[in-house]
């Protein structure tokens, strides 16, 4: 057991071959990761920039600042920038942000949000998928003070992590799920469509953190449980639930559509579906420059 625990190659291979990583589950359910937000981009954008969403962003940014990262004048690569949920506030604090977002609806919302930027920094949008970008050709090798990857499927194995890290000269922040997603609405319908318990899963964060340790990186890590409130129509909730069930490998998920639709109609006659979703989230801030513990002294 001790030998396996400290075997880098084994951990890399296990992560690479794990059939239950987020990206593999999305692809298995017929979802292209770069198109996953096509239908919910507007809702995601509203949730990201309402007061609750802004508070979530500030908490993460304040945690990063608390580890000695200074945003003012910093060059930041935001991979999976979505509609600018972090790129915009980074720029408002004085950073110059290169934002990678290949999803077309989110990229359009990003452009609209960037027009309202009120701060000394700047943003530049890149719509290529990060997986397809030649780091050397772009001049991104060790080019950024901070590389920021928040809940983005680009982190899918150790090779993808190495590509992300190669762009940073100071810090690299990566966050992923640290367990199964929680969703109160899914909890309601799961007993109606499955006879097996909805078990929690331990996703990429375990691989990420252990490999960073084995490979000698200096980093801070944090695991927390976070929830947010969403409000949808019954039709929007139905689409979301069907996607979740397909990703959970529920047998004959599509055949359960009528059961779920009937439940939503009975439970939410006013067409206002309120749910709480989230789970455990893991965050790491890797130190690539000064690798000593930060002190405010």
Protein backbone atom coordinates (compact mmCIF):
# COMPACT_ATOMS: atom_id res chain seq x y z
CA UNK A 1 0.00 0.00 0.00
CA UNK A 2 2.82 2.43 0.87
CA UNK A 3 4.47 1.85 -2.50
CA UNK A 4 1.24 2.69 -4.39
CA UNK A 5 0.63 5.77 -2.23
CA UNK A 6 3.89 7.35 -3.37
CA UNK A 7 3.95 6.10 -6.98
CA UNK A 8 3.60 9.20 -9.20
CA UNK A 9 3.20 7.21 -12.42
CA UNK A 10 0.44 5.10 -10.90
CA UNK A 11 -1.51 8.17 -9.76
CA UNK A 12 -1.12 9.84 -13.16
CA UNK A 13 -2.31 6.71 -14.96
CA UNK A 14 -5.21 6.13 -12.57
CA UNK A 15 -6.48 9.68 -13.07
CA UNK A 16 -6.04 9.46 -16.84
CA UNK A 17 -7.92 6.15 -17.02
CA UNK A 18 -10.62 6.92 -14.44
CA UNK A 19 -13.98 6.53 -16.27
CA UNK A 20 -15.81 8.71 -13.77
CA UNK A 21 -14.01 12.01 -14.12
CA UNK A 22 -16.28 14.99 -14.83
CA UNK A 23 -15.25 15.35 -18.47
CA UNK A 24 -15.66 11.65 -19.25
CA UNK A 25 -19.09 11.57 -17.63
CA UNK A 26 -20.14 14.62 -19.66
CA UNK A 27 -18.94 13.09 -22.91
CA UNK A 28 -20.53 9.73 -22.07
CA UNK A 29 -23.86 11.47 -21.58
CA UNK A 30 -23.53 13.19 -24.96
CA UNK A 31 -22.47 16.61 -23.66
CA UNK A 32 -19.62 18.49 -25.35
CA UNK A 33 -17.84 20.33 -22.48
CA UNK A 34 -17.41 23.45 -24.63
CA UNK A 35 -21.17 23.52 -25.35
CA UNK A 36 -22.45 22.58 -21.91
CA UNK A 37 -23.58 26.14 -21.14
CA UNK A 38 -25.26 26.90 -24.47
CA UNK A 39 -28.78 26.85 -23.04
CA UNK A 40 -28.06 28.12 -19.54
CA UNK A 41 -25.52 30.86 -20.23
CA UNK A 42 -27.97 33.68 -19.46
CA UNK A 43 -29.09 32.10 -16.17
CA UNK A 44 -25.48 31.42 -15.18
CA UNK A 45 -24.54 35.01 -15.98
CA UNK A 46 -27.37 36.40 -13.86
CA UNK A 47 -26.44 34.14 -10.94
CA UNK A 48 -22.78 35.12 -11.26
CA UNK A 49 -23.39 38.87 -11.16
CA UNK A 50 -26.25 39.12 -8.67
CA UNK A 51 -25.35 40.02 -5.09
CA UNK A 52 -24.97 36.40 -3.98
CA UNK A 53 -22.73 35.64 -6.95
CA UNK A 54 -20.57 38.71 -6.35
CA UNK A 55 -20.12 37.70 -2.72
CA UNK A 56 -18.93 34.23 -3.81
CA UNK A 57 -16.39 35.79 -6.17
CA UNK A 58 -15.15 38.22 -3.52
CA UNK A 59 -14.64 35.41 -0.99
CA UNK A 60 -12.43 33.46 -3.39
CA UNK A 61 -10.50 36.54 -4.51
CA UNK A 62 -9.99 37.65 -0.91
CA UNK A 63 -8.68 34.18 -0.01
CA UNK A 64 -6.17 34.39 -2.87
CA UNK A 65 -5.11 37.89 -1.82
CA UNK A 66 -4.72 36.61 1.72
CA UNK A 67 -1.99 34.26 0.44
CA UNK A 68 0.07 37.18 -0.86
CA UNK A 69 -1.25 37.61 -4.41
CA UNK A 70 -1.51 41.26 -5.47
CA UNK A 71 -4.01 41.85 -8.28
CA UNK A 72 -3.05 45.45 -8.98
CA UNK A 73 -0.98 45.53 -12.17
CA UNK A 74 -0.84 41.72 -12.32
CA UNK A 75 -1.06 39.73 -15.55
CA UNK A 76 -3.73 37.04 -15.15
CA UNK A 77 -4.74 34.16 -17.41
CA UNK A 78 -8.34 33.20 -16.63
CA UNK A 79 -9.05 29.79 -18.21
CA UNK A 80 -12.74 29.03 -18.53
CA UNK A 81 -13.66 32.65 -17.90
CA UNK A 82 -17.37 32.13 -18.64
CA UNK A 83 -19.12 35.51 -18.81
CA UNK A 84 -16.38 37.23 -16.83
CA UNK A 85 -17.42 36.23 -13.32
CA UNK A 86 -13.80 36.58 -12.14
CA UNK A 87 -12.12 38.35 -15.07
CA UNK A 88 -14.22 41.50 -14.57
CA UNK A 89 -13.57 41.88 -10.81
CA UNK A 90 -9.87 41.01 -11.38
CA UNK A 91 -9.70 43.91 -13.84
CA UNK A 92 -11.62 46.17 -11.47
CA UNK A 93 -8.85 45.55 -8.94
CA UNK A 94 -6.25 46.62 -11.49
CA UNK A 95 -5.24 43.37 -13.20
CA UNK A 96 -4.69 42.87 -16.92
CA UNK A 97 -6.62 39.71 -17.72
CA UNK A 98 -6.39 37.36 -20.68
CA UNK A 99 -9.68 35.46 -20.59
CA UNK A 100 -10.13 32.13 -22.37
CA UNK A 101 -13.75 31.16 -23.08
CA UNK A 102 -14.69 29.01 -26.11
CA UNK A 103 -18.44 28.80 -25.40
CA UNK A 104 -20.11 31.24 -27.80
CA UNK A 105 -23.09 32.36 -25.65
CA UNK A 106 -20.82 32.91 -22.64
CA UNK A 107 -18.27 34.75 -24.80
CA UNK A 108 -20.99 37.12 -26.04
CA UNK A 109 -22.09 37.81 -22.47
CA UNK A 110 -18.45 38.38 -21.54
CA UNK A 111 -18.16 41.09 -24.19
CA UNK A 112 -21.29 42.80 -22.88
CA UNK A 113 -20.06 42.67 -19.29
CA UNK A 114 -16.61 43.93 -20.26
CA UNK A 115 -18.17 47.10 -21.68
CA UNK A 116 -19.34 47.95 -18.15
CA UNK A 117 -15.88 47.47 -16.64
CA UNK A 118 -15.27 50.14 -14.03
CA UNK A 119 -11.66 49.97 -12.95
CA UNK A 120 -8.02 50.50 -13.88
CA UNK A 121 -7.42 47.04 -15.36
CA UNK A 122 -8.26 45.48 -18.72
CA UNK A 123 -9.53 42.27 -20.32
CA UNK A 124 -8.72 40.49 -23.56
CA UNK A 125 -11.01 37.66 -24.69
CA UNK A 126 -9.65 34.54 -26.41
CA UNK A 127 -12.35 32.24 -27.79
CA UNK A 128 -10.16 29.24 -28.64
CA UNK A 129 -10.43 26.17 -26.42
CA UNK A 130 -7.44 26.10 -24.09
CA UNK A 131 -6.79 22.47 -25.05
CA UNK A 132 -6.17 23.62 -28.65
CA UNK A 133 -3.89 26.55 -27.82
CA UNK A 134 -0.16 26.27 -28.55
CA UNK A 135 1.37 27.80 -25.41
CA UNK A 136 4.78 28.38 -26.98
CA UNK A 137 3.36 29.99 -30.13
CA UNK A 138 1.16 32.33 -28.08
CA UNK A 139 4.06 33.40 -25.91
CA UNK A 140 2.24 32.17 -22.80
CA UNK A 141 5.07 30.05 -21.39
CA UNK A 142 5.59 31.28 -17.80
CA UNK A 143 4.02 34.57 -18.91
CA UNK A 144 1.42 35.25 -16.20
CA UNK A 145 1.65 36.36 -12.60
CA UNK A 146 -1.45 34.29 -11.87
CA UNK A 147 -3.13 31.51 -13.83
CA UNK A 148 -6.70 31.06 -12.63
CA UNK A 149 -8.85 27.99 -13.39
CA UNK A 150 -12.16 27.87 -11.53
CA UNK A 151 -14.38 24.82 -11.97
CA UNK A 152 -13.34 24.35 -15.59
CA UNK A 153 -13.35 20.95 -17.35
CA UNK A 154 -10.00 21.79 -18.93
CA UNK A 155 -8.47 20.18 -15.80
CA UNK A 156 -9.06 16.54 -16.68
CA UNK A 157 -5.78 14.73 -15.96
CA UNK A 158 -2.21 15.49 -14.88
CA UNK A 159 -1.08 16.39 -18.41
CA UNK A 160 -3.73 19.12 -18.51
CA UNK A 161 -2.55 20.40 -15.12
CA UNK A 162 1.04 20.59 -16.38
CA UNK A 163 -0.09 22.67 -19.36
CA UNK A 164 -1.94 25.04 -17.05
CA UNK A 165 1.02 25.32 -14.66
CA UNK A 166 3.40 26.01 -17.54
CA UNK A 167 1.70 29.36 -18.18
CA UNK A 168 2.34 30.69 -14.67
CA UNK A 169 5.44 32.42 -13.33
CA UNK A 170 4.04 33.38 -9.93
CA UNK A 171 0.90 31.57 -8.84
CA UNK A 172 -1.64 29.10 -10.19
CA UNK A 173 -5.13 28.70 -8.72
CA UNK A 174 -7.20 25.63 -9.57
CA UNK A 175 -10.57 24.63 -8.14
CA UNK A 176 -12.60 21.48 -8.78
CA UNK A 177 -15.34 19.49 -7.11
CA UNK A 178 -14.11 17.60 -4.04
CA UNK A 179 -17.05 15.21 -4.00
CA UNK A 180 -20.43 14.68 -5.59
CA UNK A 181 -22.58 17.66 -6.44
CA UNK A 182 -25.51 18.37 -4.17
CA UNK A 183 -28.85 19.49 -5.55
CA UNK A 184 -32.07 19.64 -3.52
CA UNK A 185 -34.18 19.16 -6.64
CA UNK A 186 -32.24 16.07 -7.66
CA UNK A 187 -32.78 14.77 -4.13
CA UNK A 188 -36.53 15.12 -4.66
CA UNK A 189 -36.72 13.19 -7.92
CA UNK A 190 -33.98 10.60 -7.42
CA UNK A 191 -36.19 8.16 -5.44
CA UNK A 192 -38.77 8.43 -8.23
CA UNK A 193 -36.38 7.31 -10.96
CA UNK A 194 -33.85 5.03 -9.31
CA UNK A 195 -33.85 2.21 -6.78
CA UNK A 196 -30.21 2.69 -5.84
CA UNK A 197 -28.88 5.28 -3.40
CA UNK A 198 -27.40 8.43 -4.81
CA UNK A 199 -23.87 8.04 -3.51
CA UNK A 200 -21.25 10.74 -3.24
CA UNK A 201 -18.19 10.59 -5.45
CA UNK A 202 -14.66 11.85 -4.99
CA UNK A 203 -13.64 13.62 -8.14
CA UNK A 204 -10.46 15.18 -9.53
CA UNK A 205 -9.40 17.15 -6.47
CA UNK A 206 -8.01 14.07 -4.76
CA UNK A 207 -5.79 13.29 -7.74
CA UNK A 208 -4.78 16.93 -8.16
CA UNK A 209 -3.76 17.55 -4.58
CA UNK A 210 -1.90 14.26 -4.15
CA UNK A 211 0.08 14.65 -7.37
CA UNK A 212 1.03 18.22 -6.47
CA UNK A 213 2.37 16.82 -3.20
CA UNK A 214 4.22 13.91 -4.83
CA UNK A 215 5.82 16.16 -7.43
CA UNK A 216 7.18 18.59 -4.85
CA UNK A 217 5.05 21.67 -5.43
CA UNK A 218 4.51 24.34 -2.79
CA UNK A 219 0.82 25.14 -2.35
CA UNK A 220 -2.05 26.08 -0.07
CA UNK A 221 -5.26 24.07 -0.24
CA UNK A 222 -8.79 24.53 1.05
CA UNK A 223 -11.88 22.33 0.96
CA UNK A 224 -15.20 23.93 1.80
CA UNK A 225 -18.90 23.19 1.36
CA UNK A 226 -20.78 25.87 -0.53
CA UNK A 227 -24.42 26.15 -1.60
CA UNK A 228 -26.28 28.62 -3.77
CA UNK A 229 -29.97 29.20 -4.47
CA UNK A 230 -31.32 28.92 -8.01
CA UNK A 231 -34.75 29.84 -9.40
CA UNK A 232 -35.92 28.27 -12.67
CA UNK A 233 -39.04 27.56 -14.65
CA UNK A 234 -40.27 23.95 -14.70
CA UNK A 235 -39.00 23.54 -18.27
CA UNK A 236 -35.52 24.82 -17.32
CA UNK A 237 -35.45 22.59 -14.24
CA UNK A 238 -36.51 19.57 -16.30
CA UNK A 239 -33.68 20.09 -18.79
CA UNK A 240 -31.18 20.48 -15.95
CA UNK A 241 -32.40 17.36 -14.18
CA UNK A 242 -32.25 15.28 -17.34
CA UNK A 243 -28.64 16.32 -17.87
CA UNK A 244 -27.80 15.42 -14.27
CA UNK A 245 -29.44 12.01 -14.57
CA UNK A 246 -27.60 11.21 -17.80
CA UNK A 247 -24.29 12.16 -16.19
CA UNK A 248 -25.18 9.98 -13.19
CA UNK A 249 -25.53 7.06 -15.63
CA UNK A 250 -29.14 6.53 -14.65
CA UNK A 251 -30.53 3.68 -16.73
CA UNK A 252 -33.15 4.80 -19.25
CA UNK A 253 -32.94 8.37 -17.97
CA UNK A 254 -34.90 9.72 -20.93
CA UNK A 255 -37.77 7.33 -20.21
CA UNK A 256 -38.16 8.93 -16.79
CA UNK A 257 -38.86 12.38 -18.27
CA UNK A 258 -42.65 12.11 -17.85
CA UNK A 259 -42.29 11.07 -14.19
CA UNK A 260 -40.09 14.07 -13.46
CA UNK A 261 -42.28 16.49 -15.42
CA UNK A 262 -45.34 15.29 -13.50
CA UNK A 263 -43.52 15.76 -10.18
CA UNK A 264 -42.46 19.31 -11.11
CA UNK A 265 -45.98 20.25 -12.20
CA UNK A 266 -47.46 18.95 -8.95
CA UNK A 267 -44.79 20.39 -6.65
CA UNK A 268 -44.32 23.76 -8.40
CA UNK A 269 -47.69 24.81 -9.87
CA UNK A 270 -46.59 28.46 -10.02
CA UNK A 271 -43.78 27.53 -12.44
CA UNK A 272 -41.16 28.84 -9.99
CA UNK A 273 -38.72 26.08 -9.05
CA UNK A 274 -36.42 27.03 -6.18
CA UNK A 275 -33.46 24.74 -5.52
CA UNK A 276 -30.26 24.72 -3.51
CA UNK A 277 -27.17 23.33 -5.18
CA UNK A 278 -23.47 23.06 -4.51
CA UNK A 279 -21.28 20.61 -2.65
CA UNK A 280 -17.70 20.33 -1.48
CA UNK A 281 -15.22 22.37 -3.49
CA UNK A 282 -11.45 22.00 -3.43
CA UNK A 283 -9.10 24.89 -4.12
CA UNK A 284 -5.33 24.97 -4.47
CA UNK A 285 -3.02 27.94 -4.90
CA UNK A 286 0.33 26.72 -6.22
CA UNK A 287 3.40 28.89 -5.55
CA UNK A 288 5.76 28.88 -8.52
CA UNK A 289 7.89 31.90 -7.63
CA UNK A 290 8.59 32.47 -3.96
CA UNK A 291 7.68 29.08 -2.47
CA UNK A 292 7.97 30.12 1.19
CA UNK A 293 4.94 30.49 3.45
CA UNK A 294 3.46 33.96 3.03
CA UNK A 295 3.66 36.32 5.97
CA UNK A 296 2.03 39.73 6.26
CA UNK A 297 4.96 40.95 8.37
